[in-house]
N, C-alpha and C. Protein backbone atom coordinates (compact mmCIF):
# COMPACT_ATOMS: atom_id res chain seq x y z
N UNK A 1 19.11 -11.18 -4.79
CA UNK A 1 18.20 -10.31 -5.48
C UNK A 1 16.92 -10.10 -4.67
N UNK A 2 16.44 -11.17 -4.05
CA UNK A 2 15.24 -11.08 -3.22
C UNK A 2 15.51 -10.18 -2.01
N UNK A 3 16.71 -10.30 -1.46
CA UNK A 3 17.06 -9.48 -0.30
C UNK A 3 17.04 -8.00 -0.66
N UNK A 4 17.51 -7.66 -1.84
CA UNK A 4 17.48 -6.26 -2.27
C UNK A 4 16.04 -5.78 -2.40
N UNK A 5 15.16 -6.64 -2.85
CA UNK A 5 13.74 -6.29 -2.93
C UNK A 5 13.15 -6.01 -1.57
N UNK A 6 13.49 -6.85 -0.59
CA UNK A 6 13.00 -6.62 0.78
C UNK A 6 13.53 -5.30 1.35
N UNK A 7 14.80 -5.01 1.09
CA UNK A 7 15.40 -3.76 1.58
C UNK A 7 14.69 -2.56 0.97
N UNK A 8 14.43 -2.62 -0.32
CA UNK A 8 13.74 -1.51 -0.98
C UNK A 8 12.31 -1.35 -0.45
N UNK A 9 11.64 -2.46 -0.17
CA UNK A 9 10.28 -2.38 0.36
C UNK A 9 10.27 -1.81 1.78
N UNK A 10 11.28 -2.13 2.58
CA UNK A 10 11.37 -1.56 3.92
C UNK A 10 11.59 -0.05 3.84
N UNK A 11 12.47 0.38 2.94
CA UNK A 11 12.70 1.81 2.76
C UNK A 11 11.43 2.52 2.27
N UNK A 12 10.73 1.91 1.33
CA UNK A 12 9.49 2.50 0.84
C UNK A 12 8.44 2.54 1.95
N UNK A 13 8.38 1.48 2.76
CA UNK A 13 7.44 1.45 3.87
C UNK A 13 7.72 2.54 4.89
N UNK A 14 8.99 2.79 5.15
CA UNK A 14 9.33 3.87 6.09
C UNK A 14 8.94 5.23 5.51
N UNK A 15 9.15 5.42 4.22
CA UNK A 15 8.77 6.68 3.59
C UNK A 15 7.26 6.89 3.60
N UNK A 16 6.51 5.85 3.27
CA UNK A 16 5.05 5.97 3.29
C UNK A 16 4.53 6.10 4.72
N UNK A 17 5.18 5.42 5.66
CA UNK A 17 4.77 5.57 7.06
C UNK A 17 4.97 6.99 7.56
N UNK A 18 6.06 7.59 7.16
CA UNK A 18 6.29 9.00 7.52
C UNK A 18 5.22 9.89 6.92
N UNK A 19 4.88 9.64 5.66
CA UNK A 19 3.86 10.46 4.99
C UNK A 19 2.51 10.28 5.68
N UNK A 20 2.23 9.06 6.14
CA UNK A 20 0.97 8.80 6.84
C UNK A 20 0.91 9.53 8.17
N UNK A 21 2.00 9.53 8.91
CA UNK A 21 2.00 10.14 10.24
C UNK A 21 2.19 11.65 10.20
N UNK A 22 3.02 12.15 9.30
CA UNK A 22 3.36 13.57 9.31
C UNK A 22 2.61 14.39 8.26
N UNK A 23 1.85 13.73 7.41
CA UNK A 23 1.17 14.45 6.33
C UNK A 23 0.24 15.52 6.87
N UNK A 24 0.41 16.75 6.44
CA UNK A 24 -0.43 17.81 7.00
C UNK A 24 -1.87 17.75 6.51
N UNK A 25 -2.11 17.14 5.35
CA UNK A 25 -3.48 17.13 4.84
C UNK A 25 -4.01 15.69 4.77
N UNK A 26 -5.30 15.58 4.61
CA UNK A 26 -5.94 14.27 4.49
C UNK A 26 -5.46 13.55 3.23
N UNK A 27 -5.22 14.29 2.18
CA UNK A 27 -4.74 13.70 0.93
C UNK A 27 -3.38 13.04 1.13
N UNK A 28 -2.48 13.70 1.86
CA UNK A 28 -1.17 13.11 2.14
C UNK A 28 -1.31 11.83 2.94
N UNK A 29 -2.21 11.82 3.88
CA UNK A 29 -2.41 10.62 4.70
C UNK A 29 -3.00 9.47 3.88
N UNK A 30 -3.89 9.77 2.95
CA UNK A 30 -4.45 8.73 2.09
C UNK A 30 -3.36 8.16 1.19
N UNK A 31 -2.50 9.01 0.66
CA UNK A 31 -1.39 8.54 -0.18
C UNK A 31 -0.46 7.64 0.64
N UNK A 32 -0.18 8.04 1.88
CA UNK A 32 0.67 7.22 2.74
C UNK A 32 0.06 5.86 3.04
N UNK A 33 -1.24 5.85 3.32
CA UNK A 33 -1.92 4.59 3.62
C UNK A 33 -1.98 3.69 2.38
N UNK A 34 -2.27 4.27 1.24
CA UNK A 34 -2.32 3.51 0.00
C UNK A 34 -0.94 2.95 -0.35
N UNK A 35 0.10 3.74 -0.11
CA UNK A 35 1.45 3.26 -0.36
C UNK A 35 1.84 2.11 0.56
N UNK A 36 1.43 2.21 1.83
CA UNK A 36 1.71 1.11 2.76
C UNK A 36 0.96 -0.16 2.35
N UNK A 37 -0.23 -0.01 1.84
CA UNK A 37 -0.98 -1.16 1.36
C UNK A 37 -0.25 -1.81 0.18
N UNK A 38 0.25 -1.01 -0.72
CA UNK A 38 0.99 -1.54 -1.87
C UNK A 38 2.27 -2.23 -1.42
N UNK A 39 2.95 -1.64 -0.44
CA UNK A 39 4.18 -2.27 0.07
C UNK A 39 3.85 -3.61 0.73
N UNK A 40 2.77 -3.67 1.48
CA UNK A 40 2.38 -4.93 2.12
C UNK A 40 2.06 -6.02 1.12
N UNK A 41 1.32 -5.67 0.09
CA UNK A 41 1.00 -6.65 -0.95
C UNK A 41 2.27 -7.06 -1.69
N UNK A 42 3.18 -6.12 -1.90
CA UNK A 42 4.44 -6.44 -2.57
C UNK A 42 5.28 -7.40 -1.75
N UNK A 43 5.24 -7.26 -0.43
CA UNK A 43 5.97 -8.21 0.44
C UNK A 43 5.39 -9.61 0.29
N UNK A 44 4.06 -9.71 0.24
CA UNK A 44 3.43 -11.02 0.07
C UNK A 44 3.82 -11.62 -1.27
N UNK A 45 3.82 -10.82 -2.32
CA UNK A 45 4.18 -11.32 -3.65
C UNK A 45 5.65 -11.72 -3.70
N UNK A 46 6.51 -10.92 -3.09
CA UNK A 46 7.94 -11.24 -3.06
C UNK A 46 8.19 -12.53 -2.29
N UNK A 47 7.47 -12.72 -1.21
CA UNK A 47 7.60 -13.96 -0.42
C UNK A 47 7.12 -15.15 -1.25
N UNK A 48 6.04 -14.98 -2.00
CA UNK A 48 5.56 -16.05 -2.87
C UNK A 48 6.58 -16.40 -3.94
N UNK A 49 7.26 -15.39 -4.46
CA UNK A 49 8.31 -15.65 -5.44
C UNK A 49 9.48 -16.39 -4.82
N UNK A 50 9.80 -16.04 -3.58
CA UNK A 50 10.94 -16.65 -2.90
C UNK A 50 10.67 -18.12 -2.58
N UNK A 51 9.48 -18.43 -2.10
CA UNK A 51 9.18 -19.80 -1.69
C UNK A 51 8.61 -20.65 -2.81
N UNK A 52 8.07 -20.02 -3.85
CA UNK A 52 7.49 -20.79 -4.93
C UNK A 52 6.06 -21.21 -4.67
N UNK A 53 5.49 -20.77 -3.56
CA UNK A 53 4.11 -21.11 -3.23
C UNK A 53 3.23 -19.88 -3.44
N UNK A 54 2.16 -20.05 -4.17
CA UNK A 54 1.28 -18.93 -4.48
C UNK A 54 0.00 -18.95 -3.69
N UNK A 55 0.02 -19.48 -2.46
CA UNK A 55 -1.20 -19.64 -1.68
C UNK A 55 -1.83 -18.31 -1.31
N UNK A 56 -1.03 -17.28 -1.08
CA UNK A 56 -1.57 -16.00 -0.63
C UNK A 56 -1.79 -15.01 -1.77
N UNK A 57 -1.51 -15.39 -2.98
CA UNK A 57 -1.68 -14.47 -4.10
C UNK A 57 -3.14 -14.07 -4.34
N UNK A 58 -4.12 -14.97 -4.24
CA UNK A 58 -5.51 -14.51 -4.36
C UNK A 58 -5.89 -13.51 -3.27
N UNK A 59 -5.38 -13.70 -2.07
CA UNK A 59 -5.64 -12.74 -0.99
C UNK A 59 -5.00 -11.39 -1.31
N UNK A 60 -3.84 -11.41 -1.92
CA UNK A 60 -3.17 -10.16 -2.30
C UNK A 60 -3.99 -9.41 -3.34
N UNK A 61 -4.60 -10.13 -4.27
CA UNK A 61 -5.44 -9.49 -5.29
C UNK A 61 -6.67 -8.87 -4.63
N UNK A 62 -7.29 -9.58 -3.69
CA UNK A 62 -8.47 -9.06 -3.01
C UNK A 62 -8.11 -7.81 -2.19
N UNK A 63 -7.00 -7.85 -1.48
CA UNK A 63 -6.58 -6.69 -0.69
C UNK A 63 -6.30 -5.49 -1.60
N UNK A 64 -5.72 -5.74 -2.75
CA UNK A 64 -5.46 -4.66 -3.70
C UNK A 64 -6.76 -4.05 -4.20
N UNK A 65 -7.74 -4.87 -4.51
CA UNK A 65 -9.03 -4.35 -4.97
C UNK A 65 -9.75 -3.56 -3.88
N UNK A 66 -9.70 -4.05 -2.65
CA UNK A 66 -10.32 -3.31 -1.54
C UNK A 66 -9.60 -1.98 -1.33
N UNK A 67 -8.29 -1.97 -1.46
CA UNK A 67 -7.53 -0.72 -1.34
C UNK A 67 -7.89 0.28 -2.42
N UNK A 68 -8.10 -0.21 -3.63
CA UNK A 68 -8.48 0.69 -4.72
C UNK A 68 -9.86 1.30 -4.47
N UNK A 69 -10.80 0.48 -4.05
CA UNK A 69 -12.15 0.98 -3.80
C UNK A 69 -12.14 1.98 -2.64
N UNK A 70 -11.41 1.67 -1.58
CA UNK A 70 -11.37 2.58 -0.44
C UNK A 70 -10.70 3.91 -0.80
N UNK A 71 -9.67 3.87 -1.63
CA UNK A 71 -9.03 5.10 -2.07
C UNK A 71 -10.00 5.93 -2.92
N UNK A 72 -10.78 5.27 -3.77
CA UNK A 72 -11.77 5.99 -4.58
C UNK A 72 -12.84 6.62 -3.70
N UNK A 73 -13.27 5.92 -2.66
CA UNK A 73 -14.29 6.46 -1.75
C UNK A 73 -13.75 7.67 -1.00
N UNK A 74 -12.53 7.59 -0.51
CA UNK A 74 -11.95 8.72 0.22
C UNK A 74 -11.72 9.90 -0.73
N UNK A 75 -11.32 9.64 -1.96
CA UNK A 75 -11.14 10.72 -2.93
C UNK A 75 -12.46 11.42 -3.21
N UNK A 76 -13.53 10.65 -3.30
CA UNK A 76 -14.84 11.26 -3.51
C UNK A 76 -15.26 12.09 -2.30
N UNK A 77 -14.93 11.60 -1.10
CA UNK A 77 -15.23 12.36 0.12
C UNK A 77 -14.46 13.68 0.14
N UNK A 78 -13.18 13.62 -0.22
CA UNK A 78 -12.36 14.83 -0.23
C UNK A 78 -12.87 15.82 -1.27
N UNK A 79 -13.28 15.31 -2.42
CA UNK A 79 -13.81 16.18 -3.47
C UNK A 79 -15.10 16.87 -3.04
N UNK A 80 -15.97 16.15 -2.36
CA UNK A 80 -17.24 16.71 -1.93
C UNK A 80 -17.12 17.64 -0.74
N UNK A 81 -16.02 17.54 -0.02
CA UNK A 81 -15.80 18.38 1.16
C UNK A 81 -15.55 19.83 0.79
N UNK A 82 -15.11 20.09 -0.42
CA UNK A 82 -14.80 21.45 -0.83
C UNK A 82 -16.01 22.30 -1.16
N UNK A 83 -17.19 21.71 -1.20
CA UNK A 83 -18.39 22.46 -1.57
C UNK A 83 -18.97 23.24 -0.42
């Protein structure tokens, strides 16, 4: 079951990586980067589930919060660029 989770995360990572590299707009690139961040945190959480050690889970929470704030900042930048 854990292996299926890793396979799905690799597929999602490839999809988000494509969106990051090929996205024609800044919004597409932000979505790709945010998706890759979520995939990375999901890998850490899946690894913690597999090993039973939760040492990196606080770091995963911090990375998720930083990703949320950075996405909000970029969204505000994109919104203000239209004026």
